[in-house]
Each structure stands twice: as structure tokens, then as C-alpha cells.
């Protein structure tokens, strides 16, 4: 019973980590990296006392939280350095209001916005009516 509760906690934390489209890329990356490293460290430490699975789950949770907080601060710093950055949700909003792709692309270029799109984000954009021309322009900004 105890192991299943730990596994359920771990699975739920994965949904939280990957479930928010408005979460910045560095926040997601930090949470994932922290979760993996925390799980490994927690598993090793927990194994010494006969509680490897519990240690891995606790380590994953603490690591994901810590990594997410650090990544979130990095996202905030990046946004502060470019206050005009056009966010993904703003692009989706513009597309849903019928703003032409050329206008959205011009706005991306004008604001010097930079994106690091994942396949999940691209799917989200397409599912929400953002055109291929806009997505191509966003991909072209990647560092």
C-alpha cells in the first residue's frame, strides 16, 4: 500500500511538471532535471535504509520543486531583459482573434522575442489555431 501511494505521488508530480503550457521553458527544464537528479540521489540514499522507492519519490519531488523554482527565476530574468517579449499565450490569443499571420510574425520580430519550442508546445500552438508561418518564425528565433 505504501509503495503504491509513493508511485501515485510521483505520477501526479509528473502531471504537474508537464501539464502547464504557460510555464516557461527554463522552468520546465529545471523541474525535469531537478526531478531526475533528485530521484537518483533519493533512491541511492533511501536504498541504504531499505526505502529506495520512497527515497526516490521524495527526492524527485524535492528536486523538481527546487529545479522548477530556479528555472522560473531564470525565465523571469529573461523576460525582464526583454519586457516586450511576445509570450506563447499572447500569440495564441492573437491567432484566435483572427490577427493575420504576417502581423503576428512582424510583432515577433519587432519585439525580438525568442522561443525554444518543444513538440508539445508546437502541438498546443497548432491545436489553438496558430498558423505554420507563425510557428516557423518562432522556430527561427531559437538560439
Foldseek 3Di string as FASTA:
>chain_A
DVLVVLVVLQVVVVCVLPVDLQQDPQLSVQLVVQLVVQLVVQLVVCVVVPRNSNRSSVRNVVRSVVRNVVSSVVVVVVCVVQVLAQGLVNLLVCQLVPNDLVVLLVSCVVSLHADDDDPVSVVVSVVSRRDPSNVVSNVVRYD
